[in-house]
C-alpha atoms as a PDB file:
ATOM      1  CA  MET A   1      24.543  65.230  -8.978  1.00  0.00           C
ATOM      2  CA  SER A   2      26.385  64.251 -12.167  1.00  0.00           C
ATOM      3  CA  LEU A   3      27.880  61.190 -10.470  1.00  0.00           C
ATOM      4  CA  LYS A   4      24.383  60.017  -9.571  1.00  0.00           C
ATOM      5  CA  ALA A   5      23.155  60.548 -13.151  1.00  0.00           C
ATOM      6  CA  LEU A   6      26.195  58.751 -14.542  1.00  0.00           C
ATOM      7  CA  SER A   7      25.695  55.892 -12.116  1.00  0.00           C
ATOM      8  CA  ASN A   8      21.998  55.581 -13.009  1.00  0.00           C
ATOM      9  CA  GLY A   9      22.791  55.674 -16.715  1.00  0.00           C
ATOM     10  CA  PHE A  10      25.395  52.950 -16.362  1.00  0.00           C
ATOM     11  CA  LEU A  11      22.993  50.843 -14.306  1.00  0.00           C
ATOM     12  CA  ALA A  12      20.260  51.185 -16.942  1.00  0.00           C
ATOM     13  CA  PHE A  13      22.728  50.244 -19.689  1.00  0.00           C
ATOM     14  CA  TRP A  14      23.964  47.250 -17.712  1.00  0.00           C
ATOM     15  CA  CYS A  15      20.407  46.035 -17.086  1.00  0.00           C
ATOM     16  CA  PHE A  16      19.779  46.132 -20.835  1.00  0.00           C
ATOM     17  CA  VAL A  17      23.003  44.233 -21.552  1.00  0.00           C
ATOM     18  CA  ALA A  18      22.169  41.632 -18.915  1.00  0.00           C
ATOM     19  CA  ALA A  19      18.573  41.183 -20.147  1.00  0.00           C
ATOM     20  CA  PHE A  20      19.452  41.072 -23.861  1.00  0.00           C
ATOM     21  CA  PRO A  21      19.988  37.273 -24.077  1.00  0.00           C
ATOM     22  CA  ILE A  22      16.630  36.610 -22.432  1.00  0.00           C
ATOM     23  CA  ILE A  23      14.893  39.081 -24.744  1.00  0.00           C
ATOM     24  CA  TRP A  24      16.653  37.529 -27.762  1.00  0.00           C
ATOM     25  CA  ILE A  25      15.515  34.015 -26.784  1.00  0.00           C
ATOM     26  CA  ALA A  26      11.942  35.218 -26.309  1.00  0.00           C
ATOM     27  CA  VAL A  27      11.881  36.915 -29.724  1.00  0.00           C
ATOM     28  CA  MET A  28      13.469  33.922 -31.487  1.00  0.00           C
ATOM     29  CA  SER A  29      10.916  31.529 -30.010  1.00  0.00           C
ATOM     30  CA  PHE A  30       8.211  33.104 -32.191  1.00  0.00           C
ATOM     31  CA  LYS A  31      10.172  32.848 -35.455  1.00  0.00           C
ATOM     32  CA  THR A  32      10.164  30.023 -37.939  1.00  0.00           C
ATOM     33  CA  PRO A  33      13.435  28.071 -38.282  1.00  0.00           C
ATOM     34  CA  VAL A  34      13.914  29.502 -41.782  1.00  0.00           C
ATOM     35  CA  ASP A  35      14.147  33.019 -40.322  1.00  0.00           C
ATOM     36  CA  ALA A  36      15.904  32.127 -37.085  1.00  0.00           C
ATOM     37  CA  PHE A  37      18.832  30.385 -38.810  1.00  0.00           C
ATOM     38  CA  ASP A  38      19.175  32.583 -41.883  1.00  0.00           C
ATOM     39  CA  SER A  39      22.666  33.780 -42.806  1.00  0.00           C
ATOM     40  CA  ASN A  40      21.399  37.310 -43.489  1.00  0.00           C
ATOM     41  CA  PRO A  41      21.113  39.216 -40.177  1.00  0.00           C
ATOM     42  CA  VAL A  42      18.376  41.495 -41.542  1.00  0.00           C
ATOM     43  CA  ARG A  43      16.187  38.473 -42.252  1.00  0.00           C
ATOM     44  CA  VAL A  44      16.843  37.117 -38.771  1.00  0.00           C
ATOM     45  CA  ILE A  45      15.700  40.386 -37.186  1.00  0.00           C
ATOM     46  CA  PHE A  46      12.670  41.136 -39.375  1.00  0.00           C
ATOM     47  CA  GLY A  47      11.658  37.558 -40.294  1.00  0.00           C
ATOM     48  CA  PRO A  48       9.915  37.814 -43.687  1.00  0.00           C
ATOM     49  CA  HIS A  49       8.930  34.132 -43.708  1.00  0.00           C
ATOM     50  CA  THR A  50       7.460  34.366 -40.223  1.00  0.00           C
ATOM     51  CA  ARG A  51       5.478  37.451 -41.191  1.00  0.00           C
ATOM     52  CA  ALA A  52       4.164  35.700 -44.315  1.00  0.00           C
ATOM     53  CA  ASN A  53       2.987  32.717 -42.275  1.00  0.00           C
ATOM     54  CA  ILE A  54       1.151  34.878 -39.727  1.00  0.00           C
ATOM     55  CA  GLY A  55      -1.042  36.870 -42.030  1.00  0.00           C
END
């Protein structure tokens, strides 16, 4: 039973790792270039300029 749970957990983790680049590209496609290429990683993730332009 624990081997099955461990195997399922590893599979779920690996699916996330494999899908991360696609998710990252999808999220970055909605950001403005100012946020997408910022040197501060917090600004890249939260995108203050993009949020200001939306609302």
